[in-house]
Amino acid sequence: MKKITVLMPVYNEVNTLLPILEKVENADFCGLEKEIILIDDNSLDGTQKLYAKISHPVFYHKTNKGKGAALKTGLAHATGDIIIIQDADLEYNPDDYKALIEVLLADDADVVYGSRFLNMENSNTSVTSHYYGNKFLTYVTNLLFKTALTDMETCYKAFKAEFIKDINIESERFDFEPEITAKMLKKGARFKEVPISYNGRSHDEGKKISYIDGLDALWALFKFRYLK
């Protein structure tokens, strides 16, 4: 493995984009070359003015399509041997990349999830509705697929590129998370979780996921388990 691609969907993150991008640029990539790709999902809050300060490739959606659609756009341009997903806010810390990458380099897994619930001392999951929603969706995932994940909905997912590049992503919004999990499990990919830190934010602070997205995720789990 020679290169890592970080895919960063961006939607209305004018206050956090540059700080998180700096953290990504300074992260430990275990000595591998890095490629950072941003996908702007039609930001309207001034975020797009920041791209003049950024040297990484940016791809634009003319309309707001959702996180899944943004990641599909990014994957079409990714050239890395490892693909890591990074949100454009400050909830997740790129200092945790090293732990995910090391598992893939050791060939101990094909897919690595960063779990917010394996290291609760370093995780701020104070938004209880999201906490219990995530735990419930993970429980359903384990029930349907006979696995033992602790955090299916985590943003931090790292893949060997050959395991994700040939997957047809159908979900356009946050139901990407259950879809990609379901399809990886059905594909027989080896999963491993590592603990990560987490600094959750509320809707007032810019969090975009809602209970409707939770219902969509639940439907996606059943759909991609039994109908696809």
C-alpha atoms as a PDB file:
ATOM      1  CA  MET A   1       0.000   0.000   0.000  1.00  0.00           C
ATOM      2  CA  LYS A   2       1.378   3.368  -1.040  1.00  0.00           C
ATOM      3  CA  LYS A   3      -1.338   5.997  -0.764  1.00  0.00           C
ATOM      4  CA  ILE A   4      -4.270   6.961   1.466  1.00  0.00           C
ATOM      5  CA  THR A   5      -7.242   8.948   0.211  1.00  0.00           C
ATOM      6  CA  VAL A   6      -9.283  10.996   2.667  1.00  0.00           C
ATOM      7  CA  LEU A   7     -12.774  11.798   1.397  1.00  0.00           C
ATOM      8  CA  MET A   8     -14.348  14.862   3.005  1.00  0.00           C
ATOM      9  CA  PRO A   9     -17.985  15.707   2.206  1.00  0.00           C
ATOM     10  CA  VAL A  10     -18.654  19.374   2.975  1.00  0.00           C
ATOM     11  CA  TYR A  11     -21.971  21.120   3.489  1.00  0.00           C
ATOM     12  CA  ASN A  12     -22.213  24.509   5.218  1.00  0.00           C
ATOM     13  CA  GLU A  13     -19.106  24.174   7.397  1.00  0.00           C
ATOM     14  CA  VAL A  14     -17.667  27.673   7.067  1.00  0.00           C
ATOM     15  CA  ASN A  15     -16.532  27.742  10.710  1.00  0.00           C
ATOM     16  CA  THR A  16     -14.904  24.313  10.864  1.00  0.00           C
ATOM     17  CA  LEU A  17     -13.600  23.465   7.402  1.00  0.00           C
ATOM     18  CA  LEU A  18     -10.169  25.098   7.654  1.00  0.00           C
ATOM     19  CA  PRO A  19      -9.462  23.890  11.226  1.00  0.00           C
ATOM     20  CA  ILE A  20     -10.372  20.274  10.450  1.00  0.00           C
ATOM     21  CA  LEU A  21      -8.478  20.364   7.177  1.00  0.00           C
ATOM     22  CA  GLU A  22      -5.354  21.506   9.016  1.00  0.00           C
ATOM     23  CA  LYS A  23      -5.751  18.583  11.421  1.00  0.00           C
ATOM     24  CA  VAL A  24      -6.107  16.145   8.516  1.00  0.00           C
ATOM     25  CA  GLU A  25      -3.024  17.535   6.796  1.00  0.00           C
ATOM     26  CA  ASN A  26      -0.972  17.102   9.973  1.00  0.00           C
ATOM     27  CA  ALA A  27      -2.273  13.620  10.841  1.00  0.00           C
ATOM     28  CA  ASP A  28      -0.033  10.559  11.044  1.00  0.00           C
ATOM     29  CA  PHE A  29      -0.510   8.555   7.836  1.00  0.00           C
ATOM     30  CA  CYS A  30       2.041   5.911   8.845  1.00  0.00           C
ATOM     31  CA  GLY A  31       4.507   7.183   6.270  1.00  0.00           C
ATOM     32  CA  LEU A  32       2.155   6.739   3.309  1.00  0.00           C
ATOM     33  CA  GLU A  33       1.387   9.357   0.679  1.00  0.00           C
ATOM     34  CA  LYS A  34      -1.896  11.175   1.309  1.00  0.00           C
ATOM     35  CA  GLU A  35      -4.571  12.461  -1.014  1.00  0.00           C
ATOM     36  CA  ILE A  36      -7.352  14.704   0.339  1.00  0.00           C
ATOM     37  CA  ILE A  37     -10.493  15.126  -1.754  1.00  0.00           C
ATOM     38  CA  LEU A  38     -13.290  17.520  -0.805  1.00  0.00           C
ATOM     39  CA  ILE A  39     -16.817  17.294  -2.158  1.00  0.00           C
ATOM     40  CA  ASP A  40     -18.929  20.393  -1.656  1.00  0.00           C
ATOM     41  CA  ASP A  41     -22.597  19.477  -1.497  1.00  0.00           C
ATOM     42  CA  ASN A  42     -23.857  22.916  -2.556  1.00  0.00           C
ATOM     43  CA  SER A  43     -22.839  24.878   0.551  1.00  0.00           C
ATOM     44  CA  LEU A  44     -24.626  28.219   0.859  1.00  0.00           C
ATOM     45  CA  ASP A  45     -23.101  29.680   4.032  1.00  0.00           C
ATOM     46  CA  GLY A  46     -19.858  31.050   2.581  1.00  0.00           C
ATOM     47  CA  THR A  47     -17.932  27.780   2.746  1.00  0.00           C
ATOM     48  CA  GLN A  48     -17.243  27.854  -0.980  1.00  0.00           C
ATOM     49  CA  LYS A  49     -15.257  31.093  -0.621  1.00  0.00           C
ATOM     50  CA  LEU A  50     -12.715  29.155   1.470  1.00  0.00           C
ATOM     51  CA  TYR A  51     -11.690  26.868  -1.361  1.00  0.00           C
ATOM     52  CA  ALA A  52      -9.438  29.570  -2.814  1.00  0.00           C
ATOM     53  CA  LYS A  53      -7.211  28.936   0.230  1.00  0.00           C
ATOM     54  CA  ILE A  54      -7.131  25.175  -0.302  1.00  0.00           C
ATOM     55  CA  SER A  55      -4.734  23.301  -2.552  1.00  0.00           C
ATOM     56  CA  HIS A  56      -6.637  20.001  -2.570  1.00  0.00           C
ATOM     57  CA  PRO A  57      -9.112  19.024  -5.304  1.00  0.00           C
ATOM     58  CA  VAL A  58     -12.695  20.096  -4.687  1.00  0.00           C
ATOM     59  CA  PHE A  59     -15.683  18.671  -6.543  1.00  0.00           C
ATOM     60  CA  TYR A  60     -19.004  20.509  -6.518  1.00  0.00           C
ATOM     61  CA  HIS A  61     -22.621  19.427  -6.489  1.00  0.00           C
ATOM     62  CA  LYS A  62     -24.951  21.957  -8.097  1.00  0.00           C
ATOM     63  CA  THR A  63     -27.730  20.893  -5.741  1.00  0.00           C
ATOM     64  CA  ASN A  64     -27.642  19.500  -2.213  1.00  0.00           C
ATOM     65  CA  LYS A  65     -27.734  15.712  -2.572  1.00  0.00           C
ATOM     66  CA  GLY A  66     -26.497  14.335   0.742  1.00  0.00           C
ATOM     67  CA  LYS A  67     -23.479  12.649   2.306  1.00  0.00           C
ATOM     68  CA  GLY A  68     -23.852   9.378   0.434  1.00  0.00           C
ATOM     69  CA  ALA A  69     -23.976  11.161  -2.907  1.00  0.00           C
ATOM     70  CA  ALA A  70     -20.924  13.232  -1.961  1.00  0.00           C
ATOM     71  CA  LEU A  71     -18.945  10.124  -1.047  1.00  0.00           C
ATOM     72  CA  LYS A  72     -19.937   8.464  -4.306  1.00  0.00           C
ATOM     73  CA  THR A  73     -18.544  11.480  -6.175  1.00  0.00           C
ATOM     74  CA  GLY A  74     -15.352  11.350  -4.130  1.00  0.00           C
ATOM     75  CA  LEU A  75     -14.843   7.624  -4.632  1.00  0.00           C
ATOM     76  CA  ALA A  76     -14.984   8.096  -8.398  1.00  0.00           C
ATOM     77  CA  HIS A  77     -11.856  10.269  -8.130  1.00  0.00           C
ATOM     78  CA  ALA A  78      -9.996   8.495  -5.310  1.00  0.00           C
ATOM     79  CA  THR A  79      -6.666   6.890  -6.227  1.00  0.00           C
ATOM     80  CA  GLY A  80      -5.514   5.675  -2.802  1.00  0.00           C
ATOM     81  CA  ASP A  81      -5.003   2.087  -1.667  1.00  0.00           C
ATOM     82  CA  ILE A  82      -6.839   2.970   1.558  1.00  0.00           C
ATOM     83  CA  ILE A  83      -9.961   5.145   1.742  1.00  0.00           C
ATOM     84  CA  ILE A  84     -10.823   7.067   4.921  1.00  0.00           C
ATOM     85  CA  ILE A  85     -14.012   9.080   5.459  1.00  0.00           C
ATOM     86  CA  GLN A  86     -13.743  12.396   7.303  1.00  0.00           C
ATOM     87  CA  ASP A  87     -16.581  14.804   8.153  1.00  0.00           C
ATOM     88  CA  ALA A  88     -15.874  18.514   7.735  1.00  0.00           C
ATOM     89  CA  ASP A  89     -16.737  19.391  11.329  1.00  0.00           C
ATOM     90  CA  LEU A  90     -14.678  18.908  14.483  1.00  0.00           C
ATOM     91  CA  GLU A  91     -16.506  15.943  16.010  1.00  0.00           C
ATOM     92  CA  TYR A  92     -13.817  13.463  14.963  1.00  0.00           C
ATOM     93  CA  ASN A  93     -10.065  13.790  15.508  1.00  0.00           C
ATOM     94  CA  PRO A  94      -7.656  12.861  12.672  1.00  0.00           C
ATOM     95  CA  ASP A  95      -5.100  11.926  15.339  1.00  0.00           C
ATOM     96  CA  ASP A  96      -7.038   8.646  15.381  1.00  0.00           C
ATOM     97  CA  TYR A  97      -6.152   7.812  11.755  1.00  0.00           C
ATOM     98  CA  LYS A  98      -2.988   6.001  12.793  1.00  0.00           C
ATOM     99  CA  ALA A  99      -4.859   3.302  14.715  1.00  0.00           C
ATOM    100  CA  LEU A 100      -7.174   2.614  11.766  1.00  0.00           C
ATOM    101  CA  ILE A 101      -4.388   2.573   9.197  1.00  0.00           C
ATOM    102  CA  GLU A 102      -2.165   0.245  11.215  1.00  0.00           C
ATOM    103  CA  VAL A 103      -4.865  -2.453  11.237  1.00  0.00           C
ATOM    104  CA  LEU A 104      -5.123  -2.361   7.439  1.00  0.00           C
ATOM    105  CA  LEU A 105      -1.355  -2.297   6.944  1.00  0.00           C
ATOM    106  CA  ALA A 106      -1.052  -5.368   9.170  1.00  0.00           C
ATOM    107  CA  ASP A 107      -3.752  -7.059   7.054  1.00  0.00           C
ATOM    108  CA  ASP A 108      -5.790  -7.757  10.181  1.00  0.00           C
ATOM    109  CA  ALA A 109      -8.967  -6.519   8.477  1.00  0.00           C
ATOM    110  CA  ASP A 110     -10.365  -5.213   5.199  1.00  0.00           C
ATOM    111  CA  VAL A 111     -12.561  -2.603   6.875  1.00  0.00           C
ATOM    112  CA  VAL A 112     -11.833  -0.709  10.099  1.00  0.00           C
ATOM    113  CA  TYR A 113     -14.426   1.305  12.010  1.00  0.00           C
ATOM    114  CA  GLY A 114     -13.471   3.863  14.624  1.00  0.00           C
ATOM    115  CA  SER A 115     -15.817   3.213  17.536  1.00  0.00           C
ATOM    116  CA  ARG A 116     -16.908   6.074  19.772  1.00  0.00           C
ATOM    117  CA  PHE A 117     -18.200   3.582  22.328  1.00  0.00           C
ATOM    118  CA  LEU A 118     -15.024   1.574  22.957  1.00  0.00           C
ATOM    119  CA  ASN A 119     -13.396   4.530  24.704  1.00  0.00           C
ATOM    120  CA  MET A 120     -16.173   6.427  26.446  1.00  0.00           C
ATOM    121  CA  GLU A 121     -13.739   8.408  28.611  1.00  0.00           C
ATOM    122  CA  ASN A 122     -12.611  10.307  25.511  1.00  0.00           C
ATOM    123  CA  SER A 123     -16.016  10.591  23.874  1.00  0.00           C
ATOM    124  CA  ASN A 124     -18.558  13.347  24.379  1.00  0.00           C
ATOM    125  CA  THR A 125     -21.823  11.629  23.470  1.00  0.00           C
ATOM    126  CA  SER A 126     -23.936  13.907  25.623  1.00  0.00           C
ATOM    127  CA  VAL A 127     -26.626  14.306  22.948  1.00  0.00           C
ATOM    128  CA  THR A 128     -28.582  11.355  24.353  1.00  0.00           C
ATOM    129  CA  SER A 129     -31.104  10.968  21.520  1.00  0.00           C
ATOM    130  CA  HIS A 130     -28.254  10.428  19.073  1.00  0.00           C
ATOM    131  CA  TYR A 131     -26.458   8.125  21.508  1.00  0.00           C
ATOM    132  CA  TYR A 132     -29.435   5.814  21.948  1.00  0.00           C
ATOM    133  CA  GLY A 133     -30.314   6.017  18.272  1.00  0.00           C
ATOM    134  CA  ASN A 134     -26.814   4.932  17.314  1.00  0.00           C
ATOM    135  CA  LYS A 135     -26.832   2.111  19.836  1.00  0.00           C
ATOM    136  CA  PHE A 136     -30.204   0.869  18.552  1.00  0.00           C
ATOM    137  CA  LEU A 137     -29.132   0.913  14.895  1.00  0.00           C
ATOM    138  CA  THR A 138     -25.951  -0.947  15.804  1.00  0.00           C
ATOM    139  CA  TYR A 139     -28.005  -3.521  17.727  1.00  0.00           C
ATOM    140  CA  VAL A 140     -30.234  -4.071  14.678  1.00  0.00           C
ATOM    141  CA  THR A 141     -27.158  -4.416  12.464  1.00  0.00           C
ATOM    142  CA  ASN A 142     -25.737  -7.108  14.721  1.00  0.00           C
ATOM    143  CA  LEU A 143     -29.083  -8.884  14.860  1.00  0.00           C
ATOM    144  CA  LEU A 144     -29.538  -8.937  11.095  1.00  0.00           C
ATOM    145  CA  PHE A 145     -25.973  -9.750  10.104  1.00  0.00           C
ATOM    146  CA  LYS A 146     -24.835 -11.822  13.112  1.00  0.00           C
ATOM    147  CA  THR A 147     -21.878  -9.577  13.804  1.00  0.00           C
ATOM    148  CA  ALA A 148     -20.657  -7.787  16.943  1.00  0.00           C
ATOM    149  CA  LEU A 149     -20.105  -4.146  16.036  1.00  0.00           C
ATOM    150  CA  THR A 150     -20.301  -1.422  18.682  1.00  0.00           C
ATOM    151  CA  ASP A 151     -20.685   1.634  16.419  1.00  0.00           C
ATOM    152  CA  MET A 152     -22.135   1.097  12.953  1.00  0.00           C
ATOM    153  CA  GLU A 153     -22.991   4.778  12.452  1.00  0.00           C
ATOM    154  CA  THR A 154     -19.471   6.095  13.040  1.00  0.00           C
ATOM    155  CA  CYS A 155     -18.048   8.509  10.493  1.00  0.00           C
ATOM    156  CA  TYR A 156     -14.572   7.013  10.800  1.00  0.00           C
ATOM    157  CA  LYS A 157     -14.571   4.145   8.364  1.00  0.00           C
ATOM    158  CA  ALA A 158     -11.360   3.016   6.646  1.00  0.00           C
ATOM    159  CA  PHE A 159     -11.409   0.581   3.738  1.00  0.00           C
ATOM    160  CA  LYS A 160      -8.959  -1.244   1.568  1.00  0.00           C
ATOM    161  CA  ALA A 161      -9.794   0.434  -1.717  1.00  0.00           C
ATOM    162  CA  GLU A 162     -10.507  -2.791  -3.581  1.00  0.00           C
ATOM    163  CA  PHE A 163     -13.320  -3.556  -1.140  1.00  0.00           C
ATOM    164  CA  ILE A 164     -15.233  -0.319  -1.678  1.00  0.00           C
ATOM    165  CA  LYS A 165     -14.408   0.912  -5.170  1.00  0.00           C
ATOM    166  CA  ASP A 166     -16.547  -1.704  -6.901  1.00  0.00           C
ATOM    167  CA  ILE A 167     -19.597  -1.232  -4.672  1.00  0.00           C
ATOM    168  CA  ASN A 168     -22.564   0.548  -6.191  1.00  0.00           C
ATOM    169  CA  ILE A 169     -23.621   3.093  -3.578  1.00  0.00           C
ATOM    170  CA  GLU A 170     -27.338   3.740  -3.842  1.00  0.00           C
ATOM    171  CA  SER A 171     -27.984   5.821  -0.720  1.00  0.00           C
ATOM    172  CA  GLU A 172     -27.605   9.565  -1.126  1.00  0.00           C
ATOM    173  CA  ARG A 173     -27.937  10.737   2.458  1.00  0.00           C
ATOM    174  CA  PHE A 174     -26.922   9.404   5.893  1.00  0.00           C
ATOM    175  CA  ASP A 175     -28.290   5.952   5.019  1.00  0.00           C
ATOM    176  CA  PHE A 176     -24.922   5.477   3.346  1.00  0.00           C
ATOM    177  CA  GLU A 177     -23.638   4.188   6.702  1.00  0.00           C
ATOM    178  CA  PRO A 178     -25.957   1.153   6.977  1.00  0.00           C
ATOM    179  CA  GLU A 179     -25.751   0.505   3.237  1.00  0.00           C
ATOM    180  CA  ILE A 180     -21.969   0.308   3.115  1.00  0.00           C
ATOM    181  CA  THR A 181     -21.906  -1.745   6.317  1.00  0.00           C
ATOM    182  CA  ALA A 182     -24.473  -4.196   4.974  1.00  0.00           C
ATOM    183  CA  LYS A 183     -22.771  -4.562   1.618  1.00  0.00           C
ATOM    184  CA  MET A 184     -19.332  -5.048   3.165  1.00  0.00           C
ATOM    185  CA  LEU A 185     -20.673  -7.719   5.513  1.00  0.00           C
ATOM    186  CA  LYS A 186     -22.477  -9.500   2.696  1.00  0.00           C
ATOM    187  CA  LYS A 187     -19.278  -9.317   0.658  1.00  0.00           C
ATOM    188  CA  GLY A 188     -17.412 -11.164   3.397  1.00  0.00           C
ATOM    189  CA  ALA A 189     -15.061  -8.318   4.310  1.00  0.00           C
ATOM    190  CA  ARG A 190     -13.154  -8.741   7.554  1.00  0.00           C
ATOM    191  CA  PHE A 191     -14.194  -6.082  10.070  1.00  0.00           C
ATOM    192  CA  LYS A 192     -12.334  -4.672  13.033  1.00  0.00           C
ATOM    193  CA  GLU A 193     -13.102  -1.753  15.358  1.00  0.00           C
ATOM    194  CA  VAL A 194     -10.628   0.477  17.171  1.00  0.00           C
ATOM    195  CA  PRO A 195     -11.462   3.045  19.879  1.00  0.00           C
ATOM    196  CA  ILE A 196     -11.509   6.698  18.875  1.00  0.00           C
ATOM    197  CA  SER A 197     -12.220  10.016  20.567  1.00  0.00           C
ATOM    198  CA  TYR A 198     -15.365  11.968  19.800  1.00  0.00           C
ATOM    199  CA  ASN A 199     -16.649  15.468  20.491  1.00  0.00           C
ATOM    200  CA  GLY A 200     -20.337  15.429  19.612  1.00  0.00           C
ATOM    201  CA  ARG A 201     -22.216  18.591  18.764  1.00  0.00           C
ATOM    202  CA  SER A 202     -25.896  19.505  18.953  1.00  0.00           C
ATOM    203  CA  HIS A 203     -28.220  20.701  16.189  1.00  0.00           C
ATOM    204  CA  ASP A 204     -27.727  24.262  17.463  1.00  0.00           C
ATOM    205  CA  GLU A 205     -24.000  23.790  16.896  1.00  0.00           C
ATOM    206  CA  GLY A 206     -24.515  22.566  13.334  1.00  0.00           C
ATOM    207  CA  LYS A 207     -25.279  18.839  13.564  1.00  0.00           C
ATOM    208  CA  LYS A 208     -27.372  17.881  10.549  1.00  0.00           C
ATOM    209  CA  ILE A 209     -28.606  14.347  11.194  1.00  0.00           C
ATOM    210  CA  SER A 210     -32.190  13.985  12.492  1.00  0.00           C
ATOM    211  CA  TYR A 211     -34.605  11.283  13.637  1.00  0.00           C
ATOM    212  CA  ILE A 212     -35.846  11.037  10.029  1.00  0.00           C
ATOM    213  CA  ASP A 213     -32.341   9.971   9.030  1.00  0.00           C
ATOM    214  CA  GLY A 214     -32.492   7.359  11.779  1.00  0.00           C
ATOM    215  CA  LEU A 215     -35.683   5.912  10.310  1.00  0.00           C
ATOM    216  CA  ASP A 216     -34.094   5.916   6.852  1.00  0.00           C
ATOM    217  CA  ALA A 217     -31.079   4.077   8.284  1.00  0.00           C
ATOM    218  CA  LEU A 218     -33.324   1.451   9.872  1.00  0.00           C
ATOM    219  CA  TRP A 219     -35.121   0.869   6.584  1.00  0.00           C
ATOM    220  CA  ALA A 220     -31.772   0.684   4.770  1.00  0.00           C
ATOM    221  CA  LEU A 221     -30.571  -2.093   7.073  1.00  0.00           C
ATOM    222  CA  PHE A 222     -33.575  -4.249   6.221  1.00  0.00           C
ATOM    223  CA  LYS A 223     -33.501  -3.302   2.538  1.00  0.00           C
ATOM    224  CA  PHE A 224     -29.837  -4.143   2.024  1.00  0.00           C
ATOM    225  CA  ARG A 225     -30.095  -7.282   4.126  1.00  0.00           C
ATOM    226  CA  TYR A 226     -33.104  -8.849   2.407  1.00  0.00           C
ATOM    227  CA  LEU A 227     -34.013  -6.956  -0.784  1.00  0.00           C
ATOM    228  CA  LYS A 228     -30.687  -6.122  -2.421  1.00  0.00           C
END
